[in-house]
Amino acid sequence: MKKREIKLFKLNEENQMTIKSHKVQKLKEKKLLRKKKISNGARFELVAEI
């Protein structure tokens, strides 16, 4: 089984998107969601197993 990263959404000044915090917390607890900082905002990536 390989792991791949799926880009969920990109957050920046022009395109503010939010997701429900309890969903984020659930994913974080399962270690499936990682937050990466990039030059123009924050990007959340979901790590899924195939």
N, C-alpha and C. Protein backbone atom coordinates (compact mmCIF):
# COMPACT_ATOMS: atom_id res chain seq x y z
N MET A 1 0.83 -1.20 0.00
CA MET A 1 0.00 0.00 0.00
C MET A 1 0.87 1.25 0.00
N LYS A 2 0.60 2.13 -0.91
CA LYS A 2 1.36 3.37 -0.99
C LYS A 2 0.55 4.50 -0.36
N LYS A 3 1.28 5.46 0.15
CA LYS A 3 0.62 6.65 0.68
C LYS A 3 0.75 7.77 -0.33
N ARG A 4 -0.32 8.51 -0.49
CA ARG A 4 -0.23 9.67 -1.37
C ARG A 4 -0.91 10.85 -0.69
N GLU A 5 -0.52 12.03 -1.10
CA GLU A 5 -1.08 13.24 -0.52
C GLU A 5 -2.11 13.82 -1.47
N ILE A 6 -3.25 14.15 -0.90
CA ILE A 6 -4.33 14.74 -1.68
C ILE A 6 -4.52 16.17 -1.19
N LYS A 7 -4.44 17.10 -2.11
CA LYS A 7 -4.65 18.49 -1.73
C LYS A 7 -6.14 18.74 -1.57
N LEU A 8 -6.53 19.14 -0.38
CA LEU A 8 -7.94 19.39 -0.12
C LEU A 8 -8.32 20.79 -0.56
N PHE A 9 -7.59 21.77 -0.08
CA PHE A 9 -7.87 23.14 -0.46
C PHE A 9 -6.69 24.01 -0.09
N LYS A 10 -6.66 25.16 -0.66
CA LYS A 10 -5.61 26.12 -0.37
C LYS A 10 -6.25 27.35 0.29
N LEU A 11 -5.61 27.83 1.33
CA LEU A 11 -6.11 29.03 2.02
C LEU A 11 -5.20 30.21 1.69
N ASN A 12 -5.79 31.27 1.22
CA ASN A 12 -5.02 32.50 1.03
C ASN A 12 -5.95 33.70 1.16
N GLU A 13 -5.43 34.88 0.96
CA GLU A 13 -6.21 36.09 1.18
C GLU A 13 -7.38 36.19 0.22
N GLU A 14 -7.18 35.75 -1.03
CA GLU A 14 -8.23 35.88 -2.03
C GLU A 14 -9.33 34.85 -1.83
N ASN A 15 -8.95 33.67 -1.37
CA ASN A 15 -9.90 32.57 -1.30
C ASN A 15 -9.90 31.96 0.09
N GLN A 16 -10.68 32.54 0.98
CA GLN A 16 -10.74 32.05 2.35
C GLN A 16 -11.74 30.91 2.45
N MET A 17 -11.24 29.73 2.79
CA MET A 17 -12.13 28.59 2.94
C MET A 17 -11.94 28.04 4.35
N THR A 18 -13.04 27.62 4.95
CA THR A 18 -12.95 27.05 6.29
C THR A 18 -13.64 25.69 6.29
N ILE A 19 -13.16 24.82 7.14
CA ILE A 19 -13.85 23.56 7.34
C ILE A 19 -14.14 23.40 8.81
N LYS A 20 -15.10 22.57 9.14
CA LYS A 20 -15.54 22.46 10.51
C LYS A 20 -14.42 21.94 11.40
N SER A 21 -14.22 22.63 12.52
CA SER A 21 -13.08 22.33 13.37
C SER A 21 -13.14 20.91 13.93
N HIS A 22 -14.34 20.40 14.18
CA HIS A 22 -14.40 19.06 14.75
C HIS A 22 -13.99 18.01 13.73
N LYS A 23 -14.25 18.28 12.45
CA LYS A 23 -13.78 17.38 11.40
C LYS A 23 -12.26 17.42 11.32
N VAL A 24 -11.70 18.61 11.42
CA VAL A 24 -10.25 18.76 11.40
C VAL A 24 -9.64 18.02 12.57
N GLN A 25 -10.24 18.18 13.74
CA GLN A 25 -9.70 17.54 14.94
C GLN A 25 -9.74 16.03 14.81
N LYS A 26 -10.82 15.51 14.23
CA LYS A 26 -10.94 14.06 14.05
C LYS A 26 -9.83 13.55 13.13
N LEU A 27 -9.59 14.28 12.06
CA LEU A 27 -8.55 13.88 11.11
C LEU A 27 -7.17 13.97 11.75
N LYS A 28 -6.97 15.01 12.56
CA LYS A 28 -5.68 15.16 13.22
C LYS A 28 -5.44 14.02 14.20
N GLU A 29 -6.50 13.62 14.90
CA GLU A 29 -6.37 12.51 15.85
C GLU A 29 -5.98 11.23 15.12
N LYS A 30 -6.50 11.06 13.92
CA LYS A 30 -6.17 9.88 13.13
C LYS A 30 -4.87 10.06 12.35
N LYS A 31 -4.25 11.22 12.52
CA LYS A 31 -3.01 11.56 11.84
C LYS A 31 -3.16 11.48 10.32
N LEU A 32 -4.30 11.94 9.83
CA LEU A 32 -4.54 11.92 8.39
C LEU A 32 -4.43 13.31 7.79
N LEU A 33 -4.50 14.32 8.66
CA LEU A 33 -4.49 15.68 8.13
C LEU A 33 -3.22 16.39 8.60
N ARG A 34 -2.52 16.98 7.64
CA ARG A 34 -1.32 17.75 7.97
C ARG A 34 -1.50 19.15 7.43
N LYS A 35 -1.01 20.12 8.19
CA LYS A 35 -1.09 21.51 7.76
C LYS A 35 0.30 21.94 7.34
N LYS A 36 0.40 22.43 6.12
CA LYS A 36 1.70 22.89 5.63
C LYS A 36 1.59 24.38 5.32
N LYS A 37 2.61 25.10 5.71
CA LYS A 37 2.62 26.52 5.40
C LYS A 37 3.34 26.75 4.09
N ILE A 38 2.71 27.55 3.23
CA ILE A 38 3.34 27.91 1.97
C ILE A 38 3.38 29.42 1.87
N SER A 39 4.00 29.93 0.83
CA SER A 39 4.29 31.35 0.74
C SER A 39 3.04 32.22 0.82
N ASN A 40 1.93 31.78 0.23
CA ASN A 40 0.76 32.67 0.18
C ASN A 40 -0.37 32.19 1.07
N GLY A 41 -0.08 31.34 2.06
CA GLY A 41 -1.15 30.93 2.95
C GLY A 41 -0.87 29.57 3.56
N ALA A 42 -1.93 28.87 3.89
CA ALA A 42 -1.78 27.55 4.50
C ALA A 42 -2.50 26.53 3.64
N ARG A 43 -1.86 25.38 3.52
CA ARG A 43 -2.48 24.32 2.73
C ARG A 43 -2.67 23.09 3.61
N PHE A 44 -3.85 22.52 3.53
CA PHE A 44 -4.11 21.30 4.26
C PHE A 44 -3.99 20.13 3.30
N GLU A 45 -3.34 19.08 3.74
CA GLU A 45 -3.20 17.91 2.89
C GLU A 45 -3.69 16.69 3.64
N LEU A 46 -4.48 15.90 2.94
CA LEU A 46 -4.99 14.67 3.51
C LEU A 46 -4.11 13.53 3.04
N VAL A 47 -3.61 12.77 3.99
CA VAL A 47 -2.78 11.63 3.64
C VAL A 47 -3.66 10.39 3.67
N ALA A 48 -3.83 9.79 2.50
CA ALA A 48 -4.70 8.63 2.39
C ALA A 48 -3.90 7.42 1.93
N GLU A 49 -4.34 6.26 2.37
CA GLU A 49 -3.69 5.04 1.94
C GLU A 49 -4.47 4.44 0.79
N ILE A 50 -3.73 3.98 -0.22
CA ILE A 50 -4.37 3.36 -1.37
C ILE A 50 -4.06 1.87 -1.34
